[in-house]
Amino acid sequence: MTDLNTIIDALIIGEIGNLTDLVKKALDDGIAPKDILNNGFNKGMDIVGEKMQTGEMFIPEVLRSANAMKAAVEILKPLLSAGDVTSSGKVVIGTVKGDLHDIGKNLVKLMLESAGFEVIDLGVDVEPEVFINAIKENNANIVALSALLTTTMNVMKETVDALVEAGQRDNVKVIIGGAPVTQKFADEIGADGYASDGGAACKRLKEMMG
């Protein structure tokens, strides 16, 4: 019988070939696809997120783990029923107006998707009104704002203020991130939380949705 810990270990290391072989063997051994997803993949990505936060794993290693999971999930998808996959929440994400940086945002998106969140990525240079429209159209639970420039941090405040004016603030949780951003700044502009990286974002959003 396949031990799900071997799947977790292969996922953390990011061994795509080994991970997909282990998943196929687990299925042959009669382990339910839902168990592989929840007790293998999701647990593994939680550990990856924690290791990223503590500095034990870096961006290239995290990407390798996430890409390995994406490949392995393709094996499970046809076998999972609708009830097996419960979304952790629906997130609208984007880099705010005036800022064209997206590496951090893209990593957060990848980590959130790996953690079971449905992510609507608006890209970069996103105006407050575009965030609001996307929240309404997708009935999102969360909006994630990214900024790498100190000069665009004020647009995060403008976006939160615009959510209030549009009557949407009570409908969504707001999380912000980026190199110059801090928890203190999040508190000042009325955001619900701050995350320093993809691992922290997953943990914070799971707490928010819990």
Protein backbone atom coordinates (compact mmCIF):
# COMPACT_ATOMS: atom_id res chain seq x y z
CA MET A 1 0.00 0.00 0.00
CA THR A 2 1.34 3.41 -0.95
CA ASP A 3 2.17 5.66 1.99
CA LEU A 4 0.86 9.19 1.32
CA ASN A 5 3.96 10.53 3.06
CA THR A 6 5.99 9.40 0.05
CA ILE A 7 3.71 11.55 -2.13
CA ILE A 8 4.19 14.49 0.22
CA ASP A 9 7.98 14.06 0.13
CA ALA A 10 8.08 13.84 -3.68
CA LEU A 11 5.90 16.94 -3.94
CA ILE A 12 8.11 18.96 -1.60
CA ILE A 13 11.23 18.00 -3.57
CA GLY A 14 9.40 18.71 -6.84
CA GLU A 15 10.12 15.37 -8.54
CA ILE A 16 7.48 15.40 -11.29
CA GLY A 17 8.22 11.93 -12.68
CA ASN A 18 8.43 10.26 -9.28
CA LEU A 19 5.32 12.09 -8.02
CA THR A 20 3.15 11.10 -10.97
CA ASP A 21 4.34 7.47 -10.65
CA LEU A 22 3.50 7.48 -6.93
CA VAL A 23 0.04 8.91 -7.62
CA LYS A 24 -0.68 6.20 -10.21
CA LYS A 25 0.51 3.52 -7.77
CA ALA A 26 -1.65 4.97 -4.98
CA LEU A 27 -4.68 4.82 -7.27
CA ASP A 28 -3.83 1.22 -8.20
CA ASP A 29 -3.64 0.45 -4.48
CA GLY A 30 -7.20 1.69 -4.10
CA ILE A 31 -6.52 5.00 -2.37
CA ALA A 32 -9.33 7.45 -3.14
CA PRO A 33 -8.42 10.41 -5.39
CA LYS A 34 -9.90 12.76 -2.77
CA ASP A 35 -7.52 11.38 -0.12
CA ILE A 36 -4.52 11.82 -2.40
CA LEU A 37 -5.59 15.40 -3.05
CA ASN A 38 -6.37 16.39 0.54
CA ASN A 39 -3.91 14.27 2.53
CA GLY A 40 -1.12 14.24 -0.02
CA PHE A 41 -1.05 17.31 -2.25
CA ASN A 42 -2.67 19.85 0.07
CA LYS A 43 -0.62 18.78 3.08
CA GLY A 44 2.52 18.86 0.96
CA MET A 45 1.87 22.38 -0.30
CA ASP A 46 1.12 23.53 3.27
CA ILE A 47 4.60 22.34 4.22
CA VAL A 48 6.09 24.07 1.16
CA GLY A 49 4.39 27.31 2.22
CA GLU A 50 5.77 27.00 5.74
CA LYS A 51 9.29 26.27 4.44
CA MET A 52 9.08 29.31 2.18
CA GLN A 53 8.14 31.49 5.15
CA THR A 54 11.02 30.20 7.26
CA GLY A 55 13.53 30.58 4.44
CA GLU A 56 14.14 26.83 4.10
CA MET A 57 12.83 26.95 0.51
CA PHE A 58 13.33 29.63 -2.11
CA ILE A 59 11.29 30.71 -5.13
CA PRO A 60 12.82 28.25 -7.68
CA GLU A 61 12.21 25.34 -5.29
CA VAL A 62 8.66 26.46 -4.53
CA LEU A 63 7.91 26.76 -8.25
CA ARG A 64 9.28 23.26 -8.81
CA SER A 65 6.97 21.87 -6.10
CA ALA A 66 3.94 23.75 -7.45
CA ASN A 67 4.61 22.61 -11.02
CA ALA A 68 5.00 19.00 -9.86
CA MET A 69 1.64 19.24 -8.13
CA LYS A 70 -0.02 20.74 -11.21
CA ALA A 71 1.22 17.80 -13.30
CA ALA A 72 0.04 15.25 -10.75
CA VAL A 73 -3.36 16.91 -10.32
CA GLU A 74 -4.02 16.29 -14.03
CA ILE A 75 -4.00 12.55 -13.27
CA LEU A 76 -6.61 13.01 -10.54
CA LYS A 77 -8.91 15.48 -12.29
CA PRO A 78 -10.92 12.96 -14.36
CA LEU A 79 -11.38 10.80 -11.24
CA LEU A 80 -12.56 13.50 -8.87
CA SER A 81 -16.28 14.11 -8.53
CA ALA A 82 -17.61 17.63 -8.05
CA GLY A 83 -18.09 16.99 -4.34
CA ASP A 84 -14.47 15.96 -3.89
CA VAL A 85 -13.06 19.35 -4.78
CA THR A 86 -14.17 22.15 -2.51
CA SER A 87 -12.84 25.60 -3.30
CA SER A 88 -10.98 27.33 -0.47
CA GLY A 89 -12.37 30.63 -1.77
CA LYS A 90 -12.44 32.87 -4.82
CA VAL A 91 -9.64 35.43 -5.07
CA VAL A 92 -9.29 38.43 -7.39
CA ILE A 93 -5.59 39.31 -7.60
CA GLY A 94 -3.63 42.04 -9.36
CA THR A 95 -0.79 44.54 -9.18
CA VAL A 96 -2.21 48.01 -8.55
CA LYS A 97 -2.36 50.90 -11.03
CA GLY A 98 1.03 52.40 -11.91
CA ASP A 99 2.99 49.25 -11.03
CA LEU A 100 4.08 46.75 -13.67
CA HIS A 101 5.79 44.19 -11.42
CA ASP A 102 4.27 40.72 -11.44
CA ILE A 103 6.82 38.09 -10.31
CA GLY A 104 5.65 38.16 -6.69
CA LYS A 105 2.00 38.29 -7.71
CA ASN A 106 2.42 35.33 -10.04
CA LEU A 107 4.06 33.25 -7.32
CA VAL A 108 1.26 34.10 -4.87
CA LYS A 109 -1.29 33.12 -7.54
CA LEU A 110 0.44 29.77 -8.07
CA MET A 111 0.58 29.08 -4.35
CA LEU A 112 -3.08 30.02 -3.86
CA GLU A 113 -4.18 27.77 -6.74
CA SER A 114 -2.13 24.93 -5.24
CA ALA A 115 -3.96 25.51 -1.95
CA GLY A 116 -7.36 25.12 -3.62
CA PHE A 117 -8.27 28.76 -4.15
CA GLU A 118 -9.93 29.83 -7.40
CA VAL A 119 -7.88 32.78 -8.67
CA ILE A 120 -8.92 35.51 -11.11
CA ASP A 121 -5.71 37.24 -12.19
CA LEU A 122 -6.19 40.81 -13.48
CA GLY A 123 -2.51 41.29 -14.31
CA VAL A 124 -0.62 44.52 -13.66
CA ASP A 125 -1.43 48.26 -13.64
CA VAL A 126 -4.96 47.53 -12.40
CA GLU A 127 -7.26 50.46 -11.60
CA PRO A 128 -9.52 50.32 -8.51
CA GLU A 129 -12.65 50.17 -10.68
CA VAL A 130 -11.34 47.07 -12.47
CA PHE A 131 -10.87 45.28 -9.14
CA ILE A 132 -14.42 46.23 -8.12
CA ASN A 133 -15.95 45.02 -11.39
CA ALA A 134 -14.06 41.72 -11.17
CA ILE A 135 -15.23 41.18 -7.58
CA LYS A 136 -18.85 41.73 -8.63
CA GLU A 137 -18.64 39.62 -11.80
CA ASN A 138 -16.98 36.68 -10.07
CA ASN A 139 -18.69 36.94 -6.69
CA ALA A 140 -15.22 36.84 -5.12
CA ASN A 141 -14.58 36.41 -1.38
CA ILE A 142 -11.12 37.98 -1.41
CA VAL A 143 -9.17 40.66 -3.24
CA ALA A 144 -5.36 40.50 -3.16
CA LEU A 145 -3.48 43.70 -4.00
CA SER A 146 0.21 43.74 -4.90
CA ALA A 147 2.65 46.67 -5.14
CA LEU A 148 6.42 46.70 -5.42
CA LEU A 149 6.93 50.45 -5.67
CA THR A 150 6.54 52.75 -2.68
CA THR A 151 4.98 55.27 -5.08
CA THR A 152 2.08 52.91 -5.84
CA MET A 153 1.29 51.89 -2.26
CA ASN A 154 -1.19 54.78 -2.04
CA VAL A 155 -3.20 53.12 -4.83
CA MET A 156 -3.86 50.26 -2.43
CA LYS A 157 -5.56 52.76 -0.12
CA GLU A 158 -7.47 54.21 -3.08
CA THR A 159 -8.67 50.70 -3.96
CA VAL A 160 -9.86 49.98 -0.41
CA ASP A 161 -11.62 53.37 -0.34
CA ALA A 162 -13.23 52.62 -3.71
CA LEU A 163 -14.53 49.30 -2.33
CA VAL A 164 -16.18 51.20 0.50
CA GLU A 165 -17.74 53.73 -1.89
CA ALA A 166 -19.02 50.94 -4.14
CA GLY A 167 -20.65 49.18 -1.18
CA GLN A 168 -18.43 46.12 -1.66
CA ARG A 169 -16.10 46.39 1.31
CA ASP A 170 -18.21 44.17 3.58
CA ASN A 171 -18.40 41.50 0.87
CA VAL A 172 -14.68 40.81 0.51
CA LYS A 173 -11.55 40.31 2.57
CA VAL A 174 -8.64 42.51 1.45
CA ILE A 175 -5.07 41.24 1.65
CA ILE A 176 -2.05 43.21 0.47
CA GLY A 177 1.58 42.35 -0.24
CA GLY A 178 4.79 43.44 -1.92
CA ALA A 179 8.32 44.42 -0.93
CA PRO A 180 7.54 47.84 0.65
CA VAL A 181 4.27 46.74 2.28
CA THR A 182 3.94 46.00 6.01
CA GLN A 183 1.27 44.91 8.48
CA LYS A 184 1.32 48.46 9.86
CA PHE A 185 0.46 49.84 6.42
CA ALA A 186 -2.29 47.23 6.00
CA ASP A 187 -3.81 48.41 9.29
CA GLU A 188 -3.52 52.06 8.26
CA ILE A 189 -5.44 51.62 4.99
CA GLY A 190 -8.11 49.31 6.41
CA ALA A 191 -7.00 46.05 4.78
CA ASP A 192 -7.82 42.77 6.51
CA GLY A 193 -4.33 41.37 6.28
CA TYR A 194 -0.81 41.41 4.90
CA ALA A 195 1.39 38.62 3.55
CA SER A 196 5.10 38.73 2.85
CA ASP A 197 5.09 35.86 0.32
CA GLY A 198 2.99 33.12 -1.27
CA GLY A 199 3.24 30.77 1.69
CA ALA A 200 2.16 33.46 4.12
CA ALA A 201 -0.68 34.47 1.77
CA CYS A 202 -2.07 30.92 1.71
CA LYS A 203 -1.93 30.62 5.47
CA ARG A 204 -3.47 34.06 6.05
CA LEU A 205 -6.29 33.54 3.55
CA LYS A 206 -7.14 30.11 4.96
CA GLU A 207 -7.43 31.77 8.39
CA MET A 208 -9.64 34.51 6.91
CA MET A 209 -11.93 32.00 5.19
CA GLY A 210 -12.01 29.65 8.20
